[in-house]
């Protein structure tokens, strides 16, 4: 049985045309990937800057917390040495946040 293929040869691309089209598609995909890579690199650079800024803020806050703790210990020692007041019996020697939690728990119970 012979199949009539007359009329199909005008709309069908040749092998060279198909390869050229495929090459064109790959070039466009390559360009798009380069653009996305550049965008990702810019995002990474911005995230690194944000991270550095946050690390600097953390360092500042840690210094402030350490200074506050040193002052707290100094005041506790001064109260003990100068005035003979022992604040440890009232639970002030523990972490101030823990002390506040204990006091708030006592208020809820009482």
N, C-alpha and C. Protein backbone atom coordinates (compact mmCIF):
# COMPACT_ATOMS: atom_id res chain seq x y z
N UNK A 1 0.83 -1.16 0.00
CA UNK A 1 0.00 0.00 0.00
C UNK A 1 0.89 1.23 0.00
N UNK A 2 0.64 2.13 -0.92
CA UNK A 2 1.43 3.34 -1.07
C UNK A 2 0.67 4.50 -0.43
N UNK A 3 1.36 5.22 0.55
CA UNK A 3 0.73 6.35 1.25
C UNK A 3 1.09 7.62 0.49
N UNK A 4 0.08 8.40 0.26
CA UNK A 4 0.28 9.66 -0.47
C UNK A 4 0.83 10.71 0.50
N UNK A 5 2.05 11.16 0.28
CA UNK A 5 2.68 12.18 1.13
C UNK A 5 2.79 13.52 0.40
N UNK A 6 2.06 13.65 -0.67
CA UNK A 6 2.12 14.88 -1.45
C UNK A 6 1.54 16.04 -0.62
N UNK A 7 2.27 17.17 -0.55
CA UNK A 7 1.82 18.36 0.16
C UNK A 7 2.48 18.52 1.53
N UNK A 8 3.06 17.48 2.05
CA UNK A 8 3.69 17.57 3.37
C UNK A 8 5.13 18.09 3.30
N UNK A 9 5.73 18.05 2.18
CA UNK A 9 7.13 18.44 2.10
C UNK A 9 7.35 19.95 2.24
N UNK A 10 6.32 20.75 2.05
CA UNK A 10 6.50 22.21 2.14
C UNK A 10 6.49 22.70 3.59
N UNK A 11 5.79 22.06 4.49
CA UNK A 11 5.69 22.54 5.86
C UNK A 11 6.65 21.86 6.81
N UNK A 12 7.39 20.89 6.36
CA UNK A 12 8.29 20.15 7.24
C UNK A 12 9.70 20.72 7.13
N UNK A 13 10.33 21.01 8.30
CA UNK A 13 11.68 21.57 8.26
C UNK A 13 12.71 20.49 7.90
N UNK A 14 13.77 20.98 7.33
CA UNK A 14 14.87 20.05 7.01
C UNK A 14 15.66 19.79 8.29
N UNK A 15 16.58 18.84 8.23
CA UNK A 15 17.40 18.51 9.39
C UNK A 15 18.23 19.72 9.81
N UNK A 16 18.78 20.47 8.86
CA UNK A 16 19.58 21.65 9.16
C UNK A 16 18.73 22.72 9.86
N UNK A 17 17.49 22.90 9.38
CA UNK A 17 16.60 23.88 10.01
C UNK A 17 16.23 23.47 11.43
N UNK A 18 16.02 22.18 11.64
CA UNK A 18 15.70 21.70 12.99
C UNK A 18 16.89 21.91 13.93
N UNK A 19 18.09 21.61 13.44
CA UNK A 19 19.29 21.82 14.27
C UNK A 19 19.52 23.30 14.57
N UNK A 20 19.28 24.14 13.58
CA UNK A 20 19.42 25.59 13.79
C UNK A 20 18.42 26.08 14.83
N UNK A 21 17.19 25.61 14.73
CA UNK A 21 16.16 26.00 15.70
C UNK A 21 16.52 25.50 17.10
N UNK A 22 17.00 24.29 17.20
CA UNK A 22 17.40 23.72 18.49
C UNK A 22 18.56 24.53 19.08
N UNK A 23 19.50 24.93 18.24
CA UNK A 23 20.62 25.76 18.68
C UNK A 23 20.12 27.10 19.19
N UNK A 24 19.16 27.69 18.49
CA UNK A 24 18.57 28.95 18.90
C UNK A 24 17.89 28.80 20.27
N UNK A 25 17.15 27.71 20.48
CA UNK A 25 16.50 27.47 21.77
C UNK A 25 17.53 27.32 22.90
N UNK A 26 18.61 26.59 22.64
CA UNK A 26 19.65 26.40 23.65
C UNK A 26 20.35 27.72 23.98
N UNK A 27 20.57 28.57 22.97
CA UNK A 27 21.19 29.87 23.23
C UNK A 27 20.30 30.74 24.11
N UNK A 28 19.00 30.74 23.82
CA UNK A 28 18.07 31.50 24.64
C UNK A 28 18.02 30.97 26.07
N UNK A 29 18.02 29.66 26.21
CA UNK A 29 18.01 29.06 27.54
C UNK A 29 19.29 29.42 28.29
N UNK A 30 20.42 29.42 27.58
CA UNK A 30 21.70 29.79 28.17
C UNK A 30 21.67 31.25 28.65
N UNK A 31 21.12 32.15 27.84
CA UNK A 31 21.02 33.55 28.22
C UNK A 31 20.14 33.72 29.46
N UNK A 32 19.02 33.00 29.49
CA UNK A 32 18.13 33.09 30.64
C UNK A 32 18.82 32.58 31.91
N UNK A 33 19.56 31.48 31.80
CA UNK A 33 20.26 30.95 32.96
C UNK A 33 21.35 31.90 33.44
N UNK A 34 22.03 32.57 32.52
CA UNK A 34 23.05 33.56 32.91
C UNK A 34 22.40 34.72 33.66
N UNK A 35 21.24 35.16 33.20
CA UNK A 35 20.53 36.25 33.87
C UNK A 35 20.10 35.81 35.26
N UNK A 36 19.57 34.60 35.39
CA UNK A 36 19.16 34.09 36.70
C UNK A 36 20.35 33.92 37.63
N UNK A 37 21.48 33.50 37.10
CA UNK A 37 22.69 33.35 37.90
C UNK A 37 23.16 34.71 38.42
N UNK A 38 23.15 35.72 37.56
CA UNK A 38 23.55 37.07 37.99
C UNK A 38 22.62 37.58 39.08
N UNK A 39 21.32 37.32 38.92
CA UNK A 39 20.35 37.74 39.94
C UNK A 39 20.60 37.01 41.25
N UNK A 40 20.88 35.72 41.19
CA UNK A 40 21.17 34.94 42.40
C UNK A 40 22.43 35.45 43.09
N UNK A 41 23.44 35.82 42.32
CA UNK A 41 24.68 36.36 42.90
C UNK A 41 24.41 37.69 43.59
N UNK A 42 23.58 38.54 42.99
CA UNK A 42 23.23 39.80 43.64
C UNK A 42 22.48 39.54 44.95
N UNK A 43 21.56 38.57 44.92
CA UNK A 43 20.83 38.22 46.14
C UNK A 43 21.77 37.71 47.23
N UNK A 44 22.72 36.90 46.84
CA UNK A 44 23.68 36.35 47.81
C UNK A 44 24.51 37.48 48.42
N UNK A 45 24.97 38.40 47.59
CA UNK A 45 25.74 39.53 48.09
C UNK A 45 24.92 40.35 49.09
N UNK A 46 23.65 40.57 48.78
CA UNK A 46 22.78 41.33 49.69
C UNK A 46 22.59 40.57 51.00
N UNK A 47 22.40 39.25 50.92
CA UNK A 47 22.23 38.46 52.13
C UNK A 47 23.50 38.46 52.98
N UNK A 48 24.65 38.45 52.35
CA UNK A 48 25.91 38.52 53.10
C UNK A 48 26.01 39.85 53.83
N UNK A 49 25.65 40.94 53.18
CA UNK A 49 25.65 42.26 53.82
C UNK A 49 24.70 42.28 55.02
N UNK A 50 23.50 41.73 54.83
CA UNK A 50 22.52 41.70 55.92
C UNK A 50 23.06 40.86 57.08
N UNK A 51 23.66 39.73 56.77
CA UNK A 51 24.22 38.86 57.80
C UNK A 51 25.32 39.57 58.57
N UNK A 52 26.20 40.29 57.88
CA UNK A 52 27.26 41.02 58.56
C UNK A 52 26.68 42.08 59.49
N UNK A 53 25.67 42.77 59.03
CA UNK A 53 25.03 43.79 59.86
C UNK A 53 24.42 43.17 61.11
N UNK A 54 23.74 42.04 60.94
CA UNK A 54 23.13 41.37 62.08
C UNK A 54 24.19 40.85 63.05
N UNK A 55 25.30 40.34 62.52
CA UNK A 55 26.38 39.86 63.40
C UNK A 55 26.96 41.02 64.20
N UNK A 56 27.10 42.19 63.59
CA UNK A 56 27.58 43.36 64.31
C UNK A 56 26.61 43.76 65.41
N UNK A 57 25.32 43.72 65.12
CA UNK A 57 24.31 44.04 66.14
C UNK A 57 24.34 43.04 67.28
N UNK A 58 24.52 41.77 66.96
CA UNK A 58 24.61 40.73 67.99
C UNK A 58 25.82 41.00 68.89
N UNK A 59 26.95 41.36 68.29
CA UNK A 59 28.15 41.64 69.08
C UNK A 59 27.93 42.82 70.01
N UNK A 60 27.27 43.87 69.51
CA UNK A 60 26.99 45.04 70.34
C UNK A 60 26.08 44.65 71.51
N UNK A 61 25.04 43.89 71.23
CA UNK A 61 24.11 43.50 72.29
C UNK A 61 24.76 42.57 73.30
N UNK A 62 25.67 41.69 72.85
CA UNK A 62 26.39 40.83 73.79
C UNK A 62 27.28 41.66 74.70
N UNK A 63 27.95 42.67 74.14
CA UNK A 63 28.77 43.56 74.97
C UNK A 63 27.90 44.27 76.00
N UNK A 64 26.73 44.76 75.57
CA UNK A 64 25.82 45.44 76.51
C UNK A 64 25.36 44.49 77.60
N UNK A 65 25.03 43.26 77.21
CA UNK A 65 24.58 42.28 78.21
C UNK A 65 25.70 41.96 79.19
N UNK A 66 26.92 41.82 78.69
CA UNK A 66 28.05 41.55 79.58
C UNK A 66 28.30 42.72 80.53
N UNK A 67 28.22 43.94 80.02
CA UNK A 67 28.40 45.12 80.87
C UNK A 67 27.31 45.18 81.94
N UNK A 68 26.08 44.87 81.56
CA UNK A 68 24.99 44.88 82.53
C UNK A 68 25.20 43.81 83.59
N UNK A 69 25.69 42.66 83.19
CA UNK A 69 25.94 41.59 84.16
C UNK A 69 27.06 41.98 85.12
N UNK A 70 28.11 42.60 84.59
CA UNK A 70 29.20 43.05 85.45
C UNK A 70 28.69 44.08 86.45
N UNK A 71 27.87 45.01 85.99
CA UNK A 71 27.30 46.01 86.89
C UNK A 71 26.40 45.35 87.94
N UNK A 72 25.63 44.37 87.52
CA UNK A 72 24.75 43.64 88.44
C UNK A 72 25.56 42.95 89.53
N UNK A 73 26.63 42.26 89.14
CA UNK A 73 27.49 41.57 90.11
C UNK A 73 28.15 42.58 91.03
N UNK A 74 28.59 43.71 90.46
CA UNK A 74 29.21 44.75 91.27
C UNK A 74 28.23 45.26 92.33
N UNK A 75 27.00 45.53 91.94
CA UNK A 75 25.99 46.01 92.90
C UNK A 75 25.69 44.97 93.97
N UNK A 76 25.63 43.71 93.57
CA UNK A 76 25.41 42.64 94.56
C UNK A 76 26.55 42.60 95.56
N UNK A 77 27.78 42.69 95.09
CA UNK A 77 28.94 42.68 95.98
C UNK A 77 28.97 43.90 96.88
N UNK A 78 28.64 45.06 96.32
CA UNK A 78 28.63 46.28 97.11
C UNK A 78 27.57 46.20 98.20
N UNK A 79 26.41 45.68 97.88
CA UNK A 79 25.35 45.54 98.89
C UNK A 79 25.79 44.60 100.00
N UNK A 80 26.49 43.55 99.62
CA UNK A 80 26.95 42.58 100.61
C UNK A 80 28.07 43.15 101.48
N UNK A 81 29.06 43.80 100.82
CA UNK A 81 30.24 44.26 101.56
C UNK A 81 29.98 45.55 102.34
N UNK A 82 29.36 46.53 101.73
CA UNK A 82 29.18 47.83 102.39
C UNK A 82 28.04 47.82 103.40
N UNK A 83 26.94 47.18 103.02
CA UNK A 83 25.74 47.31 103.84
C UNK A 83 25.37 46.02 104.55
N UNK A 84 26.09 44.97 104.30
CA UNK A 84 25.81 43.71 104.96
C UNK A 84 24.50 43.07 104.52
N UNK A 85 24.04 43.43 103.36
CA UNK A 85 22.78 42.88 102.84
C UNK A 85 23.11 41.69 101.97
N UNK A 86 22.56 40.53 102.33
CA UNK A 86 22.79 39.32 101.53
C UNK A 86 21.57 39.09 100.66
N UNK A 87 21.69 39.44 99.42
CA UNK A 87 20.55 39.31 98.51
C UNK A 87 20.40 37.89 97.97
N UNK A 88 21.39 37.03 98.21
CA UNK A 88 21.30 35.67 97.69
C UNK A 88 20.21 34.87 98.40
N UNK A 89 19.91 35.19 99.64
CA UNK A 89 18.87 34.44 100.36
C UNK A 89 17.49 34.68 99.76
N UNK A 90 17.32 35.83 99.09
CA UNK A 90 16.03 36.13 98.46
C UNK A 90 15.98 35.68 97.00
N UNK A 91 17.02 35.01 96.55
CA UNK A 91 17.03 34.50 95.19
C UNK A 91 17.53 35.48 94.16
N UNK A 92 18.15 36.56 94.59
CA UNK A 92 18.63 37.55 93.62
C UNK A 92 19.94 37.15 92.96
N UNK A 93 20.56 36.07 93.44
CA UNK A 93 21.82 35.65 92.83
C UNK A 93 21.59 34.85 91.55
N UNK A 94 20.35 34.39 91.35
CA UNK A 94 20.07 33.66 90.11
C UNK A 94 19.86 34.66 88.98
N UNK A 95 19.73 34.14 87.81
CA UNK A 95 19.51 34.97 86.63
C UNK A 95 18.27 35.84 86.86
N UNK A 96 18.36 37.14 86.62
CA UNK A 96 17.20 38.02 86.87
C UNK A 96 15.94 37.59 86.14
N UNK A 97 16.08 37.01 84.96
CA UNK A 97 14.89 36.55 84.24
C UNK A 97 14.24 35.39 84.98
N UNK A 98 15.06 34.50 85.52
CA UNK A 98 14.52 33.38 86.30
C UNK A 98 13.86 33.90 87.57
N UNK A 99 14.46 34.92 88.19
CA UNK A 99 13.88 35.50 89.40
C UNK A 99 12.50 36.09 89.10
N UNK A 100 12.39 36.77 87.97
CA UNK A 100 11.09 37.34 87.60
C UNK A 100 10.06 36.24 87.33
N UNK A 101 10.49 35.15 86.72
CA UNK A 101 9.57 34.04 86.48
C UNK A 101 9.09 33.46 87.80
N UNK A 102 10.00 33.31 88.77
CA UNK A 102 9.62 32.77 90.07
C UNK A 102 8.63 33.70 90.76
N UNK A 103 8.91 35.00 90.73
CA UNK A 103 8.01 35.97 91.37
C UNK A 103 6.63 35.98 90.71
N UNK A 104 6.59 35.91 89.39
CA UNK A 104 5.29 35.91 88.70
C UNK A 104 4.54 34.62 88.98
N UNK A 105 5.25 33.51 89.13
CA UNK A 105 4.59 32.22 89.46
C UNK A 105 4.03 32.29 90.87
N UNK A 106 4.75 32.93 91.79
CA UNK A 106 4.24 33.07 93.16
C UNK A 106 2.99 33.93 93.20
N UNK A 107 2.95 34.99 92.40
CA UNK A 107 1.78 35.85 92.36
C UNK A 107 0.56 35.11 91.83
N UNK A 108 0.77 34.25 90.82
CA UNK A 108 -0.35 33.50 90.25
C UNK A 108 -0.90 32.50 91.26
N UNK A 109 -0.02 31.89 92.03
CA UNK A 109 -0.45 30.91 93.01
C UNK A 109 -1.14 31.60 94.19
N UNK A 110 -0.55 32.70 94.66
CA UNK A 110 -1.04 33.38 95.86
C UNK A 110 -2.14 34.29 95.57
